[in-house]
């Protein structure tokens, strides 16, 4: 298990704070929760810089903070609460499985988050589906409407930052020293 040093913990705290701020700047707000913002970007950076474990923990902590700040109006069941907040954002940390492969990691973390929202949406919000439409298809369309654009925007920005700052190593895996 990887040791959390003070530098890493401070960086994770700062990135979670940045995710909160970026999450408040919404490009699009879906009617029953979810939005297009840049909130995943700092979480993905943590995962790239420190690996899977710290990435999962940063996402989990952000998800709980996001819930406390904004999510209470969209809670219908305790399992839905877990799937839409701490679990969904923890899964963004899966980007840490692909160090240096920014599109692949961003896609993996985003699609894992989508899967968590998909299950929650189909089970707990399926009653919003138009009559006759499959609740799983409805949930996929609804949740994809904000997660896929966020995936593209985050992936592009990470690629751009990596390209422009490659010599600085800002997105490279960090050692514990």
C-alpha atoms as a PDB file:
ATOM      1  CA  UNK A   1       0.000   0.000   0.000  1.00  0.00           C
ATOM      2  CA  UNK A   2       1.277   3.398  -0.933  1.00  0.00           C
ATOM      3  CA  UNK A   3       2.237   5.773   1.887  1.00  0.00           C
ATOM      4  CA  UNK A   4       0.525   9.176   1.982  1.00  0.00           C
ATOM      5  CA  UNK A   5       3.095  11.862   2.753  1.00  0.00           C
ATOM      6  CA  UNK A   6       2.273  15.421   3.746  1.00  0.00           C
ATOM      7  CA  UNK A   7       2.999  16.827   0.295  1.00  0.00           C
ATOM      8  CA  UNK A   8       0.589  14.368  -1.333  1.00  0.00           C
ATOM      9  CA  UNK A   9      -2.154  15.029   1.225  1.00  0.00           C
ATOM     10  CA  UNK A  10      -1.846  18.795   0.750  1.00  0.00           C
ATOM     11  CA  UNK A  11      -1.946  18.398  -3.019  1.00  0.00           C
ATOM     12  CA  UNK A  12      -5.024  16.176  -2.790  1.00  0.00           C
ATOM     13  CA  UNK A  13      -6.750  18.694  -0.507  1.00  0.00           C
ATOM     14  CA  UNK A  14      -5.960  21.542  -2.907  1.00  0.00           C
ATOM     15  CA  UNK A  15      -7.204  19.544  -5.882  1.00  0.00           C
ATOM     16  CA  UNK A  16     -10.432  18.664  -4.077  1.00  0.00           C
ATOM     17  CA  UNK A  17     -10.899  22.366  -3.300  1.00  0.00           C
ATOM     18  CA  UNK A  18     -10.262  23.202  -6.958  1.00  0.00           C
ATOM     19  CA  UNK A  19     -12.775  20.525  -7.999  1.00  0.00           C
ATOM     20  CA  UNK A  20     -15.382  22.157  -5.731  1.00  0.00           C
ATOM     21  CA  UNK A  21     -14.782  25.567  -7.323  1.00  0.00           C
ATOM     22  CA  UNK A  22     -14.791  24.155 -10.863  1.00  0.00           C
ATOM     23  CA  UNK A  23     -17.956  22.185 -10.056  1.00  0.00           C
ATOM     24  CA  UNK A  24     -19.722  25.435  -9.204  1.00  0.00           C
ATOM     25  CA  UNK A  25     -18.975  26.816 -12.679  1.00  0.00           C
ATOM     26  CA  UNK A  26     -21.500  24.911 -14.735  1.00  0.00           C
ATOM     27  CA  UNK A  27     -21.560  24.952 -18.525  1.00  0.00           C
ATOM     28  CA  UNK A  28     -24.851  23.037 -18.455  1.00  0.00           C
ATOM     29  CA  UNK A  29     -27.120  21.959 -15.590  1.00  0.00           C
ATOM     30  CA  UNK A  30     -29.313  18.904 -16.192  1.00  0.00           C
ATOM     31  CA  UNK A  31     -32.857  19.193 -14.779  1.00  0.00           C
ATOM     32  CA  UNK A  32     -32.663  16.307 -12.255  1.00  0.00           C
ATOM     33  CA  UNK A  33     -29.028  16.550 -11.262  1.00  0.00           C
ATOM     34  CA  UNK A  34     -25.727  16.355 -13.075  1.00  0.00           C
ATOM     35  CA  UNK A  35     -23.943  19.073 -14.972  1.00  0.00           C
ATOM     36  CA  UNK A  36     -21.143  19.776 -17.391  1.00  0.00           C
ATOM     37  CA  UNK A  37     -18.274  21.377 -15.521  1.00  0.00           C
ATOM     38  CA  UNK A  38     -14.560  20.804 -15.045  1.00  0.00           C
ATOM     39  CA  UNK A  39     -14.905  19.149 -11.623  1.00  0.00           C
ATOM     40  CA  UNK A  40     -13.359  15.859 -12.780  1.00  0.00           C
ATOM     41  CA  UNK A  41     -10.186  17.513 -14.065  1.00  0.00           C
ATOM     42  CA  UNK A  42      -8.395  17.951 -10.692  1.00  0.00           C
ATOM     43  CA  UNK A  43      -9.454  14.445  -9.610  1.00  0.00           C
ATOM     44  CA  UNK A  44      -7.988  12.942 -12.761  1.00  0.00           C
ATOM     45  CA  UNK A  45      -4.775  14.894 -12.218  1.00  0.00           C
ATOM     46  CA  UNK A  46      -4.476  13.442  -8.698  1.00  0.00           C
ATOM     47  CA  UNK A  47      -4.929   9.957 -10.142  1.00  0.00           C
ATOM     48  CA  UNK A  48      -2.249  10.542 -12.799  1.00  0.00           C
ATOM     49  CA  UNK A  49       0.230  12.066 -10.365  1.00  0.00           C
ATOM     50  CA  UNK A  50      -0.232   9.683  -7.440  1.00  0.00           C
ATOM     51  CA  UNK A  51      -1.874   6.526  -8.755  1.00  0.00           C
ATOM     52  CA  UNK A  52      -5.029   4.542  -8.289  1.00  0.00           C
ATOM     53  CA  UNK A  53      -5.338   4.579  -4.472  1.00  0.00           C
ATOM     54  CA  UNK A  54      -4.946   8.329  -3.982  1.00  0.00           C
ATOM     55  CA  UNK A  55      -7.129   8.922  -7.056  1.00  0.00           C
ATOM     56  CA  UNK A  56      -9.938   6.798  -5.624  1.00  0.00           C
ATOM     57  CA  UNK A  57      -9.667   8.482  -2.235  1.00  0.00           C
ATOM     58  CA  UNK A  58      -9.625  11.995  -3.728  1.00  0.00           C
ATOM     59  CA  UNK A  59     -12.739  11.171  -5.748  1.00  0.00           C
ATOM     60  CA  UNK A  60     -14.481   9.637  -2.745  1.00  0.00           C
ATOM     61  CA  UNK A  61     -13.747  12.698  -0.596  1.00  0.00           C
ATOM     62  CA  UNK A  62     -14.860  15.056  -3.355  1.00  0.00           C
ATOM     63  CA  UNK A  63     -18.067  13.066  -3.845  1.00  0.00           C
ATOM     64  CA  UNK A  64     -18.897  13.366  -0.141  1.00  0.00           C
ATOM     65  CA  UNK A  65     -18.136  17.100  -0.176  1.00  0.00           C
ATOM     66  CA  UNK A  66     -20.178  17.576  -3.352  1.00  0.00           C
ATOM     67  CA  UNK A  67     -23.069  15.778  -1.689  1.00  0.00           C
ATOM     68  CA  UNK A  68     -22.878  18.033   1.369  1.00  0.00           C
ATOM     69  CA  UNK A  69     -22.698  21.205  -0.736  1.00  0.00           C
ATOM     70  CA  UNK A  70     -25.164  20.481  -3.500  1.00  0.00           C
ATOM     71  CA  UNK A  71     -26.618  17.000  -3.528  1.00  0.00           C
ATOM     72  CA  UNK A  72     -29.157  16.868  -0.755  1.00  0.00           C
ATOM     73  CA  UNK A  73     -31.968  18.022  -3.028  1.00  0.00           C
ATOM     74  CA  UNK A  74     -31.508  14.998  -5.318  1.00  0.00           C
ATOM     75  CA  UNK A  75     -31.491  12.207  -2.722  1.00  0.00           C
ATOM     76  CA  UNK A  76     -34.271   9.636  -2.918  1.00  0.00           C
ATOM     77  CA  UNK A  77     -32.606   6.591  -1.315  1.00  0.00           C
ATOM     78  CA  UNK A  78     -29.401   5.844   0.665  1.00  0.00           C
ATOM     79  CA  UNK A  79     -28.060   3.541  -2.079  1.00  0.00           C
ATOM     80  CA  UNK A  80     -28.715   6.236  -4.702  1.00  0.00           C
ATOM     81  CA  UNK A  81     -26.821   8.703  -2.501  1.00  0.00           C
ATOM     82  CA  UNK A  82     -23.789   6.387  -2.520  1.00  0.00           C
ATOM     83  CA  UNK A  83     -23.951   5.640  -6.263  1.00  0.00           C
ATOM     84  CA  UNK A  84     -24.346   9.272  -7.363  1.00  0.00           C
ATOM     85  CA  UNK A  85     -21.791  10.884  -5.072  1.00  0.00           C
ATOM     86  CA  UNK A  86     -18.940   9.045  -3.307  1.00  0.00           C
ATOM     87  CA  UNK A  87     -18.932   5.951  -5.546  1.00  0.00           C
ATOM     88  CA  UNK A  88     -19.327   7.816  -8.847  1.00  0.00           C
ATOM     89  CA  UNK A  89     -16.537  10.279  -8.132  1.00  0.00           C
ATOM     90  CA  UNK A  90     -14.257   7.675  -6.560  1.00  0.00           C
ATOM     91  CA  UNK A  91     -14.465   5.765  -9.843  1.00  0.00           C
ATOM     92  CA  UNK A  92     -12.959   8.773 -11.630  1.00  0.00           C
ATOM     93  CA  UNK A  93      -9.766   7.732  -9.832  1.00  0.00           C
ATOM     94  CA  UNK A  94      -9.530   4.729 -12.183  1.00  0.00           C
ATOM     95  CA  UNK A  95      -7.671   7.150 -14.444  1.00  0.00           C
ATOM     96  CA  UNK A  96      -4.681   6.349 -12.226  1.00  0.00           C
ATOM     97  CA  UNK A  97      -4.468   2.915 -13.853  1.00  0.00           C
ATOM     98  CA  UNK A  98      -3.184   4.586 -17.030  1.00  0.00           C
ATOM     99  CA  UNK A  99      -0.273   6.891 -16.138  1.00  0.00           C
ATOM    100  CA  UNK A 100       0.731   9.081 -19.053  1.00  0.00           C
ATOM    101  CA  UNK A 101      -2.167   7.888 -21.222  1.00  0.00           C
ATOM    102  CA  UNK A 102      -4.446  10.865 -20.718  1.00  0.00           C
ATOM    103  CA  UNK A 103      -7.279  10.015 -23.106  1.00  0.00           C
ATOM    104  CA  UNK A 104      -7.439   6.407 -21.979  1.00  0.00           C
ATOM    105  CA  UNK A 105      -7.415   7.278 -18.280  1.00  0.00           C
ATOM    106  CA  UNK A 106      -9.923  10.091 -18.653  1.00  0.00           C
ATOM    107  CA  UNK A 107     -12.195   7.800 -20.662  1.00  0.00           C
ATOM    108  CA  UNK A 108     -11.918   4.953 -18.141  1.00  0.00           C
ATOM    109  CA  UNK A 109     -12.644   7.215 -15.156  1.00  0.00           C
ATOM    110  CA  UNK A 110     -15.500   8.997 -16.919  1.00  0.00           C
ATOM    111  CA  UNK A 111     -17.161   5.813 -18.179  1.00  0.00           C
ATOM    112  CA  UNK A 112     -16.879   4.218 -14.733  1.00  0.00           C
ATOM    113  CA  UNK A 113     -18.567   7.302 -13.270  1.00  0.00           C
ATOM    114  CA  UNK A 114     -21.214   7.028 -15.996  1.00  0.00           C
ATOM    115  CA  UNK A 115     -21.827   3.387 -15.048  1.00  0.00           C
ATOM    116  CA  UNK A 116     -22.492   4.354 -11.431  1.00  0.00           C
ATOM    117  CA  UNK A 117     -24.926   7.096 -12.467  1.00  0.00           C
ATOM    118  CA  UNK A 118     -26.513   4.734 -15.006  1.00  0.00           C
ATOM    119  CA  UNK A 119     -27.383   2.171 -12.332  1.00  0.00           C
ATOM    120  CA  UNK A 120     -28.662   4.844  -9.969  1.00  0.00           C
ATOM    121  CA  UNK A 121     -30.703   6.516 -12.698  1.00  0.00           C
ATOM    122  CA  UNK A 122     -32.323   3.341 -13.957  1.00  0.00           C
ATOM    123  CA  UNK A 123     -33.237   2.073 -10.484  1.00  0.00           C
ATOM    124  CA  UNK A 124     -34.140   5.276  -8.664  1.00  0.00           C
ATOM    125  CA  UNK A 125     -35.127   7.764 -11.410  1.00  0.00           C
ATOM    126  CA  UNK A 126     -36.642   5.458 -14.029  1.00  0.00           C
ATOM    127  CA  UNK A 127     -40.076   6.963 -13.407  1.00  0.00           C
ATOM    128  CA  UNK A 128     -38.908  10.054 -15.354  1.00  0.00           C
ATOM    129  CA  UNK A 129     -38.544   7.953 -18.514  1.00  0.00           C
ATOM    130  CA  UNK A 130     -41.141   8.642 -21.195  1.00  0.00           C
ATOM    131  CA  UNK A 131     -43.907   6.065 -21.292  1.00  0.00           C
ATOM    132  CA  UNK A 132     -42.752   2.960 -23.108  1.00  0.00           C
ATOM    133  CA  UNK A 133     -39.033   3.816 -23.019  1.00  0.00           C
ATOM    134  CA  UNK A 134     -36.656   1.378 -21.367  1.00  0.00           C
ATOM    135  CA  UNK A 135     -35.436   2.870 -18.063  1.00  0.00           C
ATOM    136  CA  UNK A 136     -31.835   1.754 -18.734  1.00  0.00           C
ATOM    137  CA  UNK A 137     -31.816   3.497 -22.109  1.00  0.00           C
ATOM    138  CA  UNK A 138     -33.374   6.585 -20.547  1.00  0.00           C
ATOM    139  CA  UNK A 139     -30.733   6.632 -17.796  1.00  0.00           C
ATOM    140  CA  UNK A 140     -27.930   6.136 -20.336  1.00  0.00           C
ATOM    141  CA  UNK A 141     -29.153   9.022 -22.505  1.00  0.00           C
ATOM    142  CA  UNK A 142     -29.749  11.333 -19.550  1.00  0.00           C
ATOM    143  CA  UNK A 143     -26.432  10.701 -17.814  1.00  0.00           C
ATOM    144  CA  UNK A 144     -24.435  10.642 -21.052  1.00  0.00           C
ATOM    145  CA  UNK A 145     -25.779  14.108 -21.876  1.00  0.00           C
ATOM    146  CA  UNK A 146     -23.466  15.651 -19.292  1.00  0.00           C
ATOM    147  CA  UNK A 147     -20.753  13.041 -18.613  1.00  0.00           C
ATOM    148  CA  UNK A 148     -19.655  12.511 -22.223  1.00  0.00           C
ATOM    149  CA  UNK A 149     -19.154  16.236 -22.940  1.00  0.00           C
ATOM    150  CA  UNK A 150     -17.257  16.517 -19.643  1.00  0.00           C
ATOM    151  CA  UNK A 151     -15.100  13.560 -20.706  1.00  0.00           C
ATOM    152  CA  UNK A 152     -14.239  15.263 -24.024  1.00  0.00           C
ATOM    153  CA  UNK A 153     -13.528  18.638 -22.430  1.00  0.00           C
ATOM    154  CA  UNK A 154     -11.445  17.162 -19.596  1.00  0.00           C
ATOM    155  CA  UNK A 155      -9.546  14.851 -21.931  1.00  0.00           C
ATOM    156  CA  UNK A 156      -8.743  17.692 -24.309  1.00  0.00           C
ATOM    157  CA  UNK A 157      -7.602  20.004 -21.508  1.00  0.00           C
ATOM    158  CA  UNK A 158      -5.415  17.287 -19.959  1.00  0.00           C
ATOM    159  CA  UNK A 159      -3.885  16.504 -23.340  1.00  0.00           C
ATOM    160  CA  UNK A 160      -3.226  20.213 -23.926  1.00  0.00           C
ATOM    161  CA  UNK A 161      -1.669  20.729 -20.484  1.00  0.00           C
ATOM    162  CA  UNK A 162       0.459  17.592 -20.913  1.00  0.00           C
ATOM    163  CA  UNK A 163       1.638  18.736 -24.336  1.00  0.00           C
ATOM    164  CA  UNK A 164       2.466  22.296 -23.251  1.00  0.00           C
ATOM    165  CA  UNK A 165       4.124  21.363 -19.931  1.00  0.00           C
ATOM    166  CA  UNK A 166       5.735  18.018 -20.736  1.00  0.00           C
ATOM    167  CA  UNK A 167       9.149  19.428 -19.779  1.00  0.00           C
ATOM    168  CA  UNK A 168       7.819  20.389 -16.323  1.00  0.00           C
ATOM    169  CA  UNK A 169       6.371  16.951 -15.521  1.00  0.00           C
ATOM    170  CA  UNK A 170       3.191  18.407 -14.000  1.00  0.00           C
ATOM    171  CA  UNK A 171       1.093  15.378 -14.907  1.00  0.00           C
ATOM    172  CA  UNK A 172       3.737  12.736 -14.370  1.00  0.00           C
ATOM    173  CA  UNK A 173       3.647  10.159 -11.574  1.00  0.00           C
ATOM    174  CA  UNK A 174       5.234  11.655  -8.468  1.00  0.00           C
ATOM    175  CA  UNK A 175       7.713   9.872  -6.236  1.00  0.00           C
ATOM    176  CA  UNK A 176       7.318   9.826  -2.462  1.00  0.00           C
ATOM    177  CA  UNK A 177      10.584  11.595  -1.723  1.00  0.00           C
END
